Amino acid sequence: MSHEAKLASLTDLESILKLMQRMQLDEPWSEPFNESVVRFNLAELLQNPVYGLIYFVGDGNRAIAYLVICFDYSLEYRGKGAWVDELFVERDHRQQGIGAYLLNLAESASREHGAQYLHLEVSHGNRAIELYRRRGFVDHDRYLMTKSLLSRA
């Protein structure tokens, strides 16, 4: 694979946002994709690496894949942890090793930033599950459960 990932900055916001919109067509979030909220949060993440990192792969002048790593802290998982919050490769560029390359990058960047574990979540039936298993991610005996802390008016 001749593509190389670059650490995204605020100037890359629009390119990343376009890829995020394309990802919603393949695997929509469980929460609504509100562009103004996503734009604000994306800018916040790009300006505050303590929250996480965003990398993208380009083909010429166009972004074709991206990776979002977010950090957390857990006593169970020995301190600082990292999540593959998003990993997306455009359809025309899949099966070329870009996903595996970005997973390698997620591991190395997470280690460099002091993470002890790398987590991810994937929807049931997603074709990437086997890639994740081959890369050493394991299924849990626990369910991932989520509760919104947003006030409901």
C-alpha atoms as a PDB file:
ATOM      1  CA  MET A   1       0.000   0.000   0.000  1.00  0.00           C
ATOM      2  CA  SER A   2       1.488   3.316  -1.035  1.00  0.00           C
ATOM      3  CA  HIS A   3      -0.876   5.523   0.941  1.00  0.00           C
ATOM      4  CA  GLU A   4       0.322   7.325   4.048  1.00  0.00           C
ATOM      5  CA  ALA A   5      -1.765   8.627   6.939  1.00  0.00           C
ATOM      6  CA  LYS A   6      -1.380  12.195   8.108  1.00  0.00           C
ATOM      7  CA  LEU A   7      -2.330  13.659  11.454  1.00  0.00           C
ATOM      8  CA  ALA A   8      -5.332  15.901  10.824  1.00  0.00           C
ATOM      9  CA  SER A   9      -5.507  19.532  11.875  1.00  0.00           C
ATOM     10  CA  LEU A  10      -8.307  22.088  11.948  1.00  0.00           C
ATOM     11  CA  THR A  11      -7.659  22.868   8.262  1.00  0.00           C
ATOM     12  CA  ASP A  12      -8.712  19.274   7.439  1.00  0.00           C
ATOM     13  CA  LEU A  13     -12.120  19.576   9.129  1.00  0.00           C
ATOM     14  CA  GLU A  14     -14.164  19.748   5.904  1.00  0.00           C
ATOM     15  CA  SER A  15     -12.408  16.736   4.360  1.00  0.00           C
ATOM     16  CA  ILE A  16     -12.948  14.645   7.485  1.00  0.00           C
ATOM     17  CA  LEU A  17     -16.577  15.783   7.759  1.00  0.00           C
ATOM     18  CA  LYS A  18     -17.254  14.640   4.175  1.00  0.00           C
ATOM     19  CA  LEU A  19     -15.861  11.191   4.970  1.00  0.00           C
ATOM     20  CA  MET A  20     -17.967  11.058   8.131  1.00  0.00           C
ATOM     21  CA  GLN A  21     -21.070  11.802   6.067  1.00  0.00           C
ATOM     22  CA  ARG A  22     -20.170   8.974   3.653  1.00  0.00           C
ATOM     23  CA  MET A  23     -19.668   6.597   6.565  1.00  0.00           C
ATOM     24  CA  GLN A  24     -23.222   7.345   7.716  1.00  0.00           C
ATOM     25  CA  LEU A  25     -24.471   5.778   4.460  1.00  0.00           C
ATOM     26  CA  ASP A  26     -22.652   2.492   5.220  1.00  0.00           C
ATOM     27  CA  GLU A  27     -23.035   2.280   8.960  1.00  0.00           C
ATOM     28  CA  PRO A  28     -25.049   5.070  10.576  1.00  0.00           C
ATOM     29  CA  TRP A  29     -24.459   6.000  14.184  1.00  0.00           C
ATOM     30  CA  SER A  30     -27.021   4.979  16.769  1.00  0.00           C
ATOM     31  CA  GLU A  31     -27.342   8.678  17.639  1.00  0.00           C
ATOM     32  CA  PRO A  32     -28.570  11.160  15.012  1.00  0.00           C
ATOM     33  CA  PHE A  33     -25.860  12.708  12.822  1.00  0.00           C
ATOM     34  CA  ASN A  34     -26.477  16.414  13.444  1.00  0.00           C
ATOM     35  CA  GLU A  35     -23.988  18.191  11.190  1.00  0.00           C
ATOM     36  CA  SER A  36     -23.661  21.342  13.295  1.00  0.00           C
ATOM     37  CA  VAL A  37     -23.032  19.310  16.470  1.00  0.00           C
ATOM     38  CA  VAL A  38     -20.598  17.003  14.653  1.00  0.00           C
ATOM     39  CA  ARG A  39     -18.765  19.994  13.144  1.00  0.00           C
ATOM     40  CA  PHE A  40     -18.393  21.602  16.599  1.00  0.00           C
ATOM     41  CA  ASN A  41     -17.195  18.362  18.230  1.00  0.00           C
ATOM     42  CA  LEU A  42     -14.855  17.587  15.363  1.00  0.00           C
ATOM     43  CA  ALA A  43     -13.251  21.041  15.709  1.00  0.00           C
ATOM     44  CA  GLU A  44     -12.943  20.505  19.468  1.00  0.00           C
ATOM     45  CA  LEU A  45     -11.184  17.165  18.955  1.00  0.00           C
ATOM     46  CA  LEU A  46      -8.867  18.562  16.282  1.00  0.00           C
ATOM     47  CA  GLN A  47      -7.795  21.361  18.627  1.00  0.00           C
ATOM     48  CA  ASN A  48      -7.446  19.262  21.806  1.00  0.00           C
ATOM     49  CA  PRO A  49      -5.242  16.182  21.400  1.00  0.00           C
ATOM     50  CA  VAL A  50      -5.818  15.322  25.067  1.00  0.00           C
ATOM     51  CA  TYR A  51      -9.240  14.045  23.871  1.00  0.00           C
ATOM     52  CA  GLY A  52      -7.844  12.095  20.942  1.00  0.00           C
ATOM     53  CA  LEU A  53      -6.305  12.140  17.478  1.00  0.00           C
ATOM     54  CA  ILE A  54      -7.565  12.043  13.915  1.00  0.00           C
ATOM     55  CA  TYR A  55      -5.596  10.674  10.990  1.00  0.00           C
ATOM     56  CA  PHE A  56      -6.565  10.569   7.337  1.00  0.00           C
ATOM     57  CA  VAL A  57      -5.307   8.904   4.190  1.00  0.00           C
ATOM     58  CA  GLY A  58      -5.430  10.821   0.941  1.00  0.00           C
ATOM     59  CA  ASP A  59      -5.385   9.860  -2.703  1.00  0.00           C
ATOM     60  CA  GLY A  60      -4.084  12.929  -4.454  1.00  0.00           C
ATOM     61  CA  ASN A  61      -5.939  15.926  -3.035  1.00  0.00           C
ATOM     62  CA  ARG A  62      -8.879  13.892  -1.729  1.00  0.00           C
ATOM     63  CA  ALA A  63      -9.238  12.154   1.650  1.00  0.00           C
ATOM     64  CA  ILE A  64     -10.283   8.503   1.199  1.00  0.00           C
ATOM     65  CA  ALA A  65     -10.033   7.093   4.728  1.00  0.00           C
ATOM     66  CA  TYR A  66      -9.865   8.274   8.293  1.00  0.00           C
ATOM     67  CA  LEU A  67      -9.206   7.055  11.811  1.00  0.00           C
ATOM     68  CA  VAL A  68     -10.370   8.657  15.048  1.00  0.00           C
ATOM     69  CA  ILE A  69      -8.702   7.613  18.304  1.00  0.00           C
ATOM     70  CA  CYS A  70     -10.254   8.877  21.561  1.00  0.00           C
ATOM     71  CA  PHE A  71      -8.759   8.536  25.029  1.00  0.00           C
ATOM     72  CA  ASP A  72     -10.334   7.538  28.343  1.00  0.00           C
ATOM     73  CA  TYR A  73      -9.220   6.438  31.801  1.00  0.00           C
ATOM     74  CA  SER A  74     -10.178   3.167  33.479  1.00  0.00           C
ATOM     75  CA  LEU A  75      -9.108   1.468  36.700  1.00  0.00           C
ATOM     76  CA  GLU A  76     -10.012  -1.945  35.248  1.00  0.00           C
ATOM     77  CA  TYR A  77      -7.875  -1.373  32.170  1.00  0.00           C
ATOM     78  CA  ARG A  78      -4.849   0.001  34.058  1.00  0.00           C
ATOM     79  CA  GLY A  79      -5.185   3.715  33.444  1.00  0.00           C
ATOM     80  CA  LYS A  80      -5.248   5.595  30.180  1.00  0.00           C
ATOM     81  CA  GLY A  81      -6.980   3.773  27.372  1.00  0.00           C
ATOM     82  CA  ALA A  82      -7.756   4.432  23.751  1.00  0.00           C
ATOM     83  CA  TRP A  83     -10.747   3.735  21.534  1.00  0.00           C
ATOM     84  CA  VAL A  84     -10.918   3.368  17.797  1.00  0.00           C
ATOM     85  CA  ASP A  85     -13.889   5.711  17.737  1.00  0.00           C
ATOM     86  CA  GLU A  86     -14.153   5.734  13.957  1.00  0.00           C
ATOM     87  CA  LEU A  87     -12.390   3.933  11.132  1.00  0.00           C
ATOM     88  CA  PHE A  88     -13.684   4.371   7.604  1.00  0.00           C
ATOM     89  CA  VAL A  89     -12.316   3.566   4.154  1.00  0.00           C
ATOM     90  CA  GLU A  90     -14.233   4.613   1.041  1.00  0.00           C
ATOM     91  CA  ARG A  91     -15.720   1.658  -0.862  1.00  0.00           C
ATOM     92  CA  ASP A  92     -13.483   2.063  -3.934  1.00  0.00           C
ATOM     93  CA  HIS A  93     -10.379   1.781  -1.734  1.00  0.00           C
ATOM     94  CA  ARG A  94     -11.326  -1.201   0.419  1.00  0.00           C
ATOM     95  CA  GLN A  95      -9.518  -4.546   0.291  1.00  0.00           C
ATOM     96  CA  GLN A  96      -6.216  -2.721  -0.306  1.00  0.00           C
ATOM     97  CA  GLY A  97      -4.798  -2.962   3.226  1.00  0.00           C
ATOM     98  CA  ILE A  98      -5.779   0.556   4.282  1.00  0.00           C
ATOM     99  CA  GLY A  99      -7.944  -0.661   7.186  1.00  0.00           C
ATOM    100  CA  ALA A 100      -5.155  -2.894   8.525  1.00  0.00           C
ATOM    101  CA  TYR A 101      -2.684  -0.038   8.075  1.00  0.00           C
ATOM    102  CA  LEU A 102      -4.936   2.288  10.086  1.00  0.00           C
ATOM    103  CA  LEU A 103      -5.328  -0.337  12.829  1.00  0.00           C
ATOM    104  CA  ASN A 104      -1.528  -0.576  13.060  1.00  0.00           C
ATOM    105  CA  LEU A 105      -1.445   3.205  13.317  1.00  0.00           C
ATOM    106  CA  ALA A 106      -4.118   3.137  16.033  1.00  0.00           C
ATOM    107  CA  GLU A 107      -2.009   0.709  18.057  1.00  0.00           C
ATOM    108  CA  SER A 108       1.257   2.609  17.696  1.00  0.00           C
ATOM    109  CA  ALA A 109      -0.251   6.082  18.237  1.00  0.00           C
ATOM    110  CA  SER A 110      -2.174   4.842  21.282  1.00  0.00           C
ATOM    111  CA  ARG A 111       0.998   3.362  22.784  1.00  0.00           C
ATOM    112  CA  GLU A 112       2.920   6.577  22.079  1.00  0.00           C
ATOM    113  CA  HIS A 113       0.242   8.510  23.984  1.00  0.00           C
ATOM    114  CA  GLY A 114       0.425   6.215  27.018  1.00  0.00           C
ATOM    115  CA  ALA A 115      -2.637   4.023  26.441  1.00  0.00           C
ATOM    116  CA  GLN A 116      -2.557   0.587  28.052  1.00  0.00           C
ATOM    117  CA  TYR A 117      -5.430  -0.919  26.017  1.00  0.00           C
ATOM    118  CA  LEU A 118      -7.071  -0.219  22.691  1.00  0.00           C
ATOM    119  CA  HIS A 119     -10.825  -0.787  22.410  1.00  0.00           C
ATOM    120  CA  LEU A 120     -13.312  -0.617  19.590  1.00  0.00           C
ATOM    121  CA  GLU A 121     -16.954  -1.346  19.000  1.00  0.00           C
ATOM    122  CA  VAL A 122     -18.380  -2.713  15.796  1.00  0.00           C
ATOM    123  CA  SER A 123     -21.944  -3.349  14.701  1.00  0.00           C
ATOM    124  CA  HIS A 124     -23.139  -6.935  14.474  1.00  0.00           C
ATOM    125  CA  GLY A 125     -22.795  -8.118  10.900  1.00  0.00           C
ATOM    126  CA  ASN A 126     -20.100  -5.600   9.943  1.00  0.00           C
ATOM    127  CA  ARG A 127     -17.679  -7.218   7.490  1.00  0.00           C
ATOM    128  CA  ALA A 128     -14.703  -5.761   9.385  1.00  0.00           C
ATOM    129  CA  ILE A 129     -15.318  -7.965  12.446  1.00  0.00           C
ATOM    130  CA  GLU A 130     -13.041 -10.694  11.103  1.00  0.00           C
ATOM    131  CA  LEU A 131     -10.301  -8.157  10.362  1.00  0.00           C
ATOM    132  CA  TYR A 132     -10.507  -6.950  13.971  1.00  0.00           C
ATOM    133  CA  ARG A 133     -10.374 -10.521  15.302  1.00  0.00           C
ATOM    134  CA  ARG A 134      -7.338 -11.308  13.123  1.00  0.00           C
ATOM    135  CA  ARG A 135      -5.671  -8.181  14.529  1.00  0.00           C
ATOM    136  CA  GLY A 136      -6.085  -9.460  18.095  1.00  0.00           C
ATOM    137  CA  PHE A 137      -9.311  -7.798  19.238  1.00  0.00           C
ATOM    138  CA  VAL A 138     -11.488 -10.162  21.257  1.00  0.00           C
ATOM    139  CA  ASP A 139     -15.218 -10.352  21.846  1.00  0.00           C
ATOM    140  CA  HIS A 140     -16.398  -9.647  25.396  1.00  0.00           C
ATOM    141  CA  ASP A 141     -18.774 -11.549  27.606  1.00  0.00           C
ATOM    142  CA  ARG A 142     -20.286  -8.180  28.495  1.00  0.00           C
ATOM    143  CA  TYR A 143     -22.729  -6.049  26.577  1.00  0.00           C
ATOM    144  CA  LEU A 144     -21.864  -2.514  25.612  1.00  0.00           C
ATOM    145  CA  MET A 145     -24.657  -0.436  27.101  1.00  0.00           C
ATOM    146  CA  THR A 146     -25.151   3.301  26.805  1.00  0.00           C
ATOM    147  CA  LYS A 147     -27.309   5.875  28.513  1.00  0.00           C
ATOM    148  CA  SER A 148     -27.691   9.424  27.255  1.00  0.00           C
ATOM    149  CA  LEU A 149     -26.843  12.104  29.794  1.00  0.00           C
ATOM    150  CA  LEU A 150     -28.401  14.808  27.651  1.00  0.00           C
ATOM    151  CA  SER A 151     -31.366  16.501  29.216  1.00  0.00           C
ATOM    152  CA  ARG A 152     -34.605  15.723  27.428  1.00  0.00           C
ATOM    153  CA  ALA A 153     -36.800  18.787  27.073  1.00  0.00           C
END
